[in-house]
N, C-alpha and C. Protein backbone atom coordinates (compact mmCIF):
# COMPACT_ATOMS: atom_id res chain seq x y z
N MET A 1 1.64 -9.83 17.12
CA MET A 1 2.63 -8.68 17.59
C MET A 1 1.78 -7.43 17.52
N GLY A 2 1.01 -7.14 16.53
CA GLY A 2 0.43 -5.85 16.48
C GLY A 2 -0.44 -5.40 17.55
N SER A 3 -1.46 -6.23 18.03
CA SER A 3 -2.28 -5.85 19.12
C SER A 3 -1.64 -5.86 20.50
N TYR A 4 -0.57 -6.69 20.66
CA TYR A 4 0.21 -6.63 21.90
C TYR A 4 0.97 -5.49 21.86
N ALA A 5 1.73 -5.10 20.86
CA ALA A 5 2.55 -3.91 20.88
C ALA A 5 1.78 -2.59 20.78
N ALA A 6 0.64 -2.68 20.16
CA ALA A 6 -0.23 -1.36 20.14
C ALA A 6 -0.54 -0.85 21.50
N THR A 7 -0.78 -1.72 22.49
CA THR A 7 -1.12 -1.21 23.81
C THR A 7 0.08 -0.89 24.58
N ARG A 8 1.28 -1.12 24.11
CA ARG A 8 2.33 -0.83 25.03
C ARG A 8 3.42 0.14 24.40
N PHE A 9 3.35 0.27 23.02
CA PHE A 9 4.38 1.19 22.29
C PHE A 9 3.52 2.03 21.46
N SER A 10 4.14 3.18 20.94
CA SER A 10 3.66 3.96 19.94
C SER A 10 3.67 3.08 18.63
N PRO A 11 2.68 3.44 17.65
CA PRO A 11 2.76 2.85 16.37
C PRO A 11 4.15 2.97 15.72
N TRP A 12 4.67 4.12 15.92
CA TRP A 12 5.88 4.31 15.06
C TRP A 12 7.05 3.50 15.74
N THR A 13 7.09 3.22 17.06
CA THR A 13 7.96 2.44 17.68
C THR A 13 7.92 0.91 17.27
N THR A 14 6.70 0.49 17.16
CA THR A 14 6.43 -0.85 16.70
C THR A 14 6.82 -1.08 15.29
N LEU A 15 6.43 -0.02 14.52
CA LEU A 15 6.86 -0.05 13.04
C LEU A 15 8.39 0.00 12.87
N ALA A 16 9.01 0.75 13.60
CA ALA A 16 10.57 0.88 13.53
C ALA A 16 11.20 -0.61 13.90
N PHE A 17 10.69 -1.13 14.98
CA PHE A 17 11.20 -2.45 15.26
C PHE A 17 10.91 -3.67 14.19
N GLY A 18 9.57 -3.60 13.89
CA GLY A 18 9.20 -4.57 12.83
C GLY A 18 9.97 -4.52 11.62
N LEU A 19 9.94 -3.21 11.00
CA LEU A 19 10.67 -3.05 9.79
C LEU A 19 12.25 -3.18 9.95
N GLY A 20 12.79 -2.74 11.04
CA GLY A 20 14.15 -2.79 11.33
C GLY A 20 14.68 -4.24 11.32
N PHE A 21 13.85 -5.17 12.17
CA PHE A 21 14.34 -6.56 12.11
C PHE A 21 14.16 -7.16 10.81
N ALA A 22 13.12 -6.81 10.19
CA ALA A 22 12.90 -7.44 8.70
C ALA A 22 14.00 -6.99 7.74
N ALA A 23 14.49 -5.72 7.94
CA ALA A 23 15.64 -5.30 7.01
C ALA A 23 16.81 -6.02 7.48
N LEU A 24 17.10 -6.09 8.77
CA LEU A 24 18.22 -6.92 9.24
C LEU A 24 18.34 -8.30 8.78
N PHE A 25 17.15 -9.04 8.74
CA PHE A 25 17.07 -10.31 8.28
C PHE A 25 17.44 -10.35 6.82
N TRP A 26 17.01 -9.56 5.95
CA TRP A 26 17.25 -9.66 4.53
C TRP A 26 18.68 -9.22 4.22
N VAL A 27 19.23 -8.29 5.04
CA VAL A 27 20.65 -8.01 4.86
C VAL A 27 21.50 -9.30 5.20
N LEU A 28 21.11 -10.00 6.20
CA LEU A 28 21.99 -11.17 6.56
C LEU A 28 21.66 -12.18 5.49
N VAL A 29 20.45 -12.41 5.11
CA VAL A 29 20.18 -13.47 4.07
C VAL A 29 20.71 -13.16 2.72
N LEU A 30 20.70 -12.13 2.22
CA LEU A 30 21.09 -11.61 0.81
C LEU A 30 22.51 -11.25 0.75
N GLY A 31 22.97 -10.74 1.96
CA GLY A 31 24.46 -10.29 1.93
C GLY A 31 24.30 -8.60 1.69
N PRO A 32 25.14 -7.96 2.38
CA PRO A 32 25.24 -6.48 2.34
C PRO A 32 25.47 -5.99 0.99
N ARG A 33 26.31 -6.64 0.13
CA ARG A 33 26.56 -6.28 -1.23
C ARG A 33 25.37 -6.25 -2.15
N THR A 34 24.50 -7.27 -1.98
CA THR A 34 23.26 -7.39 -2.75
C THR A 34 22.29 -6.32 -2.31
N VAL A 35 22.31 -5.97 -1.16
CA VAL A 35 21.32 -4.96 -0.68
C VAL A 35 21.76 -3.48 -0.86
N PHE A 36 23.08 -3.13 -0.56
CA PHE A 36 23.51 -1.80 -0.49
C PHE A 36 24.23 -1.31 -1.76
N VAL A 37 24.78 -2.21 -2.76
CA VAL A 37 25.41 -1.71 -3.85
C VAL A 37 24.38 -1.04 -4.82
N PRO A 38 23.20 -1.57 -4.99
CA PRO A 38 22.28 -0.86 -5.92
C PRO A 38 21.82 0.51 -5.49
N LEU A 39 21.85 0.68 -4.10
CA LEU A 39 21.43 1.96 -3.49
C LEU A 39 22.47 3.03 -3.79
N SER A 40 23.71 2.72 -4.39
CA SER A 40 24.64 3.77 -4.61
C SER A 40 24.21 4.65 -5.58
N ASP A 41 23.29 4.20 -6.62
CA ASP A 41 22.72 5.01 -7.59
C ASP A 41 21.62 5.98 -6.98
N PRO A 42 21.81 7.25 -7.13
CA PRO A 42 20.80 8.21 -6.56
C PRO A 42 19.38 8.04 -7.00
N ALA A 43 19.29 7.75 -8.08
CA ALA A 43 17.77 7.42 -8.63
C ALA A 43 17.22 6.40 -8.12
N THR A 44 17.97 5.16 -7.96
CA THR A 44 17.55 4.05 -7.45
C THR A 44 17.28 4.19 -5.75
N LEU A 45 18.20 5.04 -5.11
CA LEU A 45 17.98 5.34 -3.63
C LEU A 45 16.68 6.21 -3.60
N ALA A 46 16.41 7.03 -4.33
CA ALA A 46 15.23 7.92 -4.29
C ALA A 46 13.98 7.02 -4.38
N ALA A 47 14.05 6.08 -5.46
CA ALA A 47 12.91 5.36 -5.69
C ALA A 47 12.58 4.38 -4.54
N VAL A 48 13.60 3.73 -4.02
CA VAL A 48 13.49 2.82 -2.89
C VAL A 48 12.96 3.59 -1.57
N ILE A 49 13.45 4.78 -1.41
CA ILE A 49 12.95 5.58 -0.23
C ILE A 49 11.52 6.08 -0.49
N TYR A 50 11.13 6.41 -1.65
CA TYR A 50 9.72 6.69 -2.06
C TYR A 50 8.88 5.60 -1.77
N LEU A 51 9.27 4.43 -2.29
CA LEU A 51 8.38 3.24 -2.30
C LEU A 51 8.24 2.92 -0.68
N ALA A 52 9.33 2.92 -0.03
CA ALA A 52 9.35 2.58 1.39
C ALA A 52 8.38 3.33 2.17
N VAL A 53 8.43 4.73 1.94
CA VAL A 53 7.60 5.60 2.68
C VAL A 53 6.14 5.47 2.32
N VAL A 54 5.85 5.61 1.05
CA VAL A 54 4.53 5.48 0.45
C VAL A 54 3.77 4.29 0.59
N SER A 55 4.44 3.20 0.27
CA SER A 55 3.79 1.82 0.30
C SER A 55 4.04 1.01 1.48
N THR A 56 4.93 1.31 2.28
CA THR A 56 5.10 0.48 3.56
C THR A 56 4.99 1.24 4.80
N ILE A 57 5.65 2.42 5.01
CA ILE A 57 5.64 3.06 6.34
C ILE A 57 4.29 3.64 6.62
N VAL A 58 3.76 4.46 5.63
CA VAL A 58 2.50 5.05 5.90
C VAL A 58 1.37 4.04 6.00
N PRO A 59 1.19 3.08 5.29
CA PRO A 59 -0.01 2.10 5.44
C PRO A 59 0.24 1.23 6.70
N PHE A 60 1.39 0.71 7.03
CA PHE A 60 1.64 0.06 8.18
C PHE A 60 1.52 0.83 9.48
N GLY A 61 1.98 1.98 9.33
CA GLY A 61 1.88 2.97 10.53
C GLY A 61 0.34 3.32 10.81
N ALA A 62 -0.41 3.51 9.74
CA ALA A 62 -1.75 3.74 9.91
C ALA A 62 -2.49 2.55 10.49
N PHE A 63 -2.15 1.40 10.10
CA PHE A 63 -2.66 0.08 10.51
C PHE A 63 -2.41 -0.10 12.07
N LEU A 64 -1.17 0.19 12.45
CA LEU A 64 -0.82 0.02 13.85
C LEU A 64 -1.42 1.17 14.72
N TYR A 65 -1.63 2.35 14.05
CA TYR A 65 -2.28 3.40 14.87
C TYR A 65 -3.83 3.07 15.08
N ALA A 66 -4.39 2.26 14.06
CA ALA A 66 -5.89 1.99 14.15
C ALA A 66 -6.01 0.87 15.19
N LEU A 67 -4.98 0.10 15.59
CA LEU A 67 -5.28 -0.89 16.55
C LEU A 67 -5.52 -0.28 17.95
N ARG A 68 -5.28 0.94 18.11
CA ARG A 68 -5.50 1.60 19.36
C ARG A 68 -7.13 1.99 19.49
N PHE A 69 -7.77 1.91 18.47
CA PHE A 69 -9.13 2.38 18.45
C PHE A 69 -10.24 1.17 18.11
N ILE A 70 -9.67 0.32 17.15
CA ILE A 70 -10.50 -0.80 16.80
C ILE A 70 -9.84 -2.26 17.11
N PRO A 71 -10.66 -3.31 17.15
CA PRO A 71 -9.98 -4.54 17.36
C PRO A 71 -9.17 -5.00 16.17
N PRO A 72 -8.11 -5.89 16.37
CA PRO A 72 -7.35 -6.39 15.24
C PRO A 72 -8.08 -6.93 14.13
N THR A 73 -9.15 -7.79 14.29
CA THR A 73 -9.90 -8.19 13.21
C THR A 73 -10.48 -7.20 12.37
N ALA A 74 -11.12 -6.15 13.04
CA ALA A 74 -11.76 -5.01 12.24
C ALA A 74 -10.67 -4.23 11.48
N ALA A 75 -9.56 -4.09 12.20
CA ALA A 75 -8.36 -3.26 11.46
C ALA A 75 -7.98 -4.09 10.19
N THR A 76 -7.85 -5.39 10.36
CA THR A 76 -7.36 -6.16 9.21
C THR A 76 -8.43 -6.05 8.00
N VAL A 77 -9.69 -6.12 8.38
CA VAL A 77 -10.72 -6.10 7.29
C VAL A 77 -10.73 -4.71 6.69
N THR A 78 -10.47 -3.69 7.54
CA THR A 78 -10.56 -2.32 7.06
C THR A 78 -9.35 -2.10 6.03
N SER A 79 -8.21 -2.64 6.38
CA SER A 79 -7.10 -2.48 5.53
C SER A 79 -7.19 -3.12 4.16
N THR A 80 -8.24 -3.90 3.98
CA THR A 80 -8.50 -4.44 2.56
C THR A 80 -9.06 -3.41 1.61
N VAL A 81 -9.30 -2.21 2.20
CA VAL A 81 -9.78 -1.08 1.33
C VAL A 81 -8.72 -0.53 0.37
N GLU A 82 -7.45 -0.96 0.89
CA GLU A 82 -6.22 -0.25 0.09
C GLU A 82 -6.35 -0.52 -1.42
N PRO A 83 -6.58 -1.78 -1.88
CA PRO A 83 -6.65 -2.01 -3.26
C PRO A 83 -7.78 -1.14 -3.98
N PHE A 84 -8.80 -1.02 -3.32
CA PHE A 84 -9.97 -0.22 -3.85
C PHE A 84 -9.51 1.17 -4.07
N ILE A 85 -8.91 1.84 -2.96
CA ILE A 85 -8.36 3.03 -3.11
C ILE A 85 -7.28 3.22 -4.23
N ALA A 86 -6.38 2.27 -4.30
CA ALA A 86 -5.34 2.21 -5.33
C ALA A 86 -6.01 2.22 -6.72
N GLY A 87 -7.08 1.51 -6.96
CA GLY A 87 -7.89 1.42 -8.11
C GLY A 87 -8.43 2.78 -8.50
N LEU A 88 -8.98 3.37 -7.47
CA LEU A 88 -9.51 4.70 -7.73
C LEU A 88 -8.55 5.78 -8.02
N GLY A 89 -7.39 5.68 -7.27
CA GLY A 89 -6.40 6.68 -7.69
C GLY A 89 -5.71 6.40 -9.04
N ALA A 90 -5.65 5.16 -9.53
CA ALA A 90 -5.30 4.77 -10.84
C ALA A 90 -6.19 5.36 -11.90
N TYR A 91 -7.46 5.28 -11.56
CA TYR A 91 -8.57 5.80 -12.43
C TYR A 91 -8.36 7.32 -12.68
N ALA A 92 -8.35 7.96 -11.37
CA ALA A 92 -8.38 9.37 -11.27
C ALA A 92 -7.07 10.08 -11.86
N LEU A 93 -5.90 9.48 -11.52
CA LEU A 93 -4.53 10.08 -11.69
C LEU A 93 -3.96 9.71 -13.05
N LEU A 94 -4.10 8.31 -13.31
CA LEU A 94 -3.60 7.79 -14.47
C LEU A 94 -4.36 7.39 -15.72
N GLY A 95 -5.69 7.71 -15.50
CA GLY A 95 -6.59 7.39 -16.62
C GLY A 95 -6.93 5.92 -16.79
N GLU A 96 -6.67 5.11 -15.90
CA GLU A 96 -6.91 3.67 -16.15
C GLU A 96 -8.34 3.38 -16.23
N ALA A 97 -8.77 2.26 -16.97
CA ALA A 97 -10.24 2.01 -17.02
C ALA A 97 -10.54 0.98 -15.91
N LEU A 98 -11.76 1.15 -15.32
CA LEU A 98 -12.22 0.20 -14.31
C LEU A 98 -13.37 -0.54 -15.06
N THR A 99 -13.41 -1.79 -14.85
CA THR A 99 -14.54 -2.66 -15.25
C THR A 99 -15.56 -2.78 -14.30
N GLY A 100 -16.71 -3.24 -14.77
CA GLY A 100 -17.79 -3.34 -13.90
C GLY A 100 -17.53 -4.27 -12.79
N THR A 101 -16.91 -5.37 -13.11
CA THR A 101 -16.48 -6.24 -12.05
C THR A 101 -15.52 -5.69 -11.04
N GLN A 102 -14.55 -4.85 -11.43
CA GLN A 102 -13.70 -4.19 -10.52
C GLN A 102 -14.58 -3.27 -9.65
N ILE A 103 -15.41 -2.50 -10.14
CA ILE A 103 -16.14 -1.37 -9.47
C ILE A 103 -17.07 -2.28 -8.46
N LEU A 104 -17.68 -3.29 -8.85
CA LEU A 104 -18.52 -4.21 -7.90
C LEU A 104 -17.74 -4.73 -6.73
N GLY A 105 -16.57 -5.15 -7.06
CA GLY A 105 -15.58 -5.79 -6.17
C GLY A 105 -15.36 -4.68 -5.07
N GLY A 106 -15.00 -3.55 -5.54
CA GLY A 106 -14.63 -2.47 -4.55
C GLY A 106 -15.68 -2.20 -3.71
N LEU A 107 -17.01 -2.10 -4.27
CA LEU A 107 -18.15 -1.74 -3.45
C LEU A 107 -18.48 -2.75 -2.46
N LEU A 108 -18.23 -4.06 -2.91
CA LEU A 108 -18.45 -5.17 -1.79
C LEU A 108 -17.42 -5.01 -0.72
N VAL A 109 -16.13 -4.70 -1.06
CA VAL A 109 -15.19 -4.44 0.01
C VAL A 109 -15.61 -3.39 0.99
N VAL A 110 -16.04 -2.31 0.44
CA VAL A 110 -16.45 -1.23 1.29
C VAL A 110 -17.63 -1.56 2.08
N ALA A 111 -18.48 -2.38 1.50
CA ALA A 111 -19.73 -2.82 2.34
C ALA A 111 -19.31 -3.85 3.43
N ALA A 112 -18.39 -4.61 3.08
CA ALA A 112 -17.87 -5.66 4.10
C ALA A 112 -17.25 -4.96 5.30
N ILE A 113 -16.44 -3.96 4.99
CA ILE A 113 -15.79 -3.00 5.95
C ILE A 113 -16.92 -2.38 6.78
N ALA A 114 -17.99 -1.89 6.19
CA ALA A 114 -19.12 -1.20 6.94
C ALA A 114 -19.81 -2.19 7.85
N VAL A 115 -20.03 -3.52 7.37
CA VAL A 115 -20.72 -4.57 8.24
C VAL A 115 -19.89 -4.83 9.40
N VAL A 116 -18.49 -5.10 9.19
CA VAL A 116 -17.58 -5.39 10.19
C VAL A 116 -17.53 -4.26 11.43
N GLN A 117 -17.66 -2.99 11.01
CA GLN A 117 -17.71 -2.04 11.97
C GLN A 117 -18.96 -1.87 12.76
N LEU A 118 -20.08 -2.44 12.33
CA LEU A 118 -21.29 -2.30 13.02
C LEU A 118 -21.18 -2.87 14.50
N PRO A 119 -21.88 -2.29 15.37
CA PRO A 119 -21.85 -2.87 16.79
C PRO A 119 -22.48 -4.30 16.81
N GLU A 120 -21.91 -5.08 17.69
CA GLU A 120 -22.55 -6.44 17.81
C GLU A 120 -23.94 -6.36 18.48
N ARG A 121 -24.83 -7.26 17.91
CA ARG A 121 -26.14 -7.25 18.55
C ARG A 121 -26.14 -8.38 19.71
N PRO A 122 -26.82 -8.13 20.74
CA PRO A 122 -26.91 -9.09 21.77
C PRO A 122 -27.68 -10.45 21.38
N GLU A 123 -27.23 -11.47 21.85
CA GLU A 123 -27.86 -12.71 21.57
C GLU A 123 -29.35 -12.78 22.10
N PRO A 124 -30.31 -13.20 21.34
CA PRO A 124 -31.62 -13.27 21.86
C PRO A 124 -31.86 -14.21 22.92
N GLU A 125 -32.68 -13.71 23.96
CA GLU A 125 -32.90 -14.76 25.02
C GLU A 125 -33.84 -15.72 24.68
N LEU A 126 -33.66 -17.05 24.91
CA LEU A 126 -34.47 -18.20 24.55
C LEU A 126 -35.36 -18.29 25.69
N PRO A 127 -36.66 -18.80 25.39
CA PRO A 127 -37.69 -19.18 26.45
C PRO A 127 -37.05 -20.30 27.27
N PRO A 128 -37.49 -20.34 28.61
CA PRO A 128 -37.06 -21.37 29.40
C PRO A 128 -37.45 -22.73 28.87
N ALA A 129 -36.71 -23.81 29.10
CA ALA A 129 -36.95 -25.05 28.65
C ALA A 129 -38.16 -25.76 29.57
N LEU A 130 -39.10 -26.41 28.96
CA LEU A 130 -40.18 -27.08 29.89
C LEU A 130 -39.69 -28.26 30.21
């Protein structure tokens, strides 16, 4: 759906339809009471809105926007940088400790993203068969 919709609609339209249908599905499966009653508490509603915007709308909107500039495979690989950025944020903002393995894993993710973004090299020409 992403690459098809990216060429026809704005990222925000695609996101609104995707998340809207997902929300409708869960309201139907879980029932309106299960979904909406907890949201009557203002603190819960604020937390849900914050999480929806920060962890869903912004990342998926950025992903769909990226599909206008890079192929879907490259966008998918590039989106794997999110856990690395989250780890750096936890280190910088919350004082979390990062192990050597975590740092190495993050650097490998960044290296993989760089490799995927490299332009493709043409296939070498083979000499004619005798």
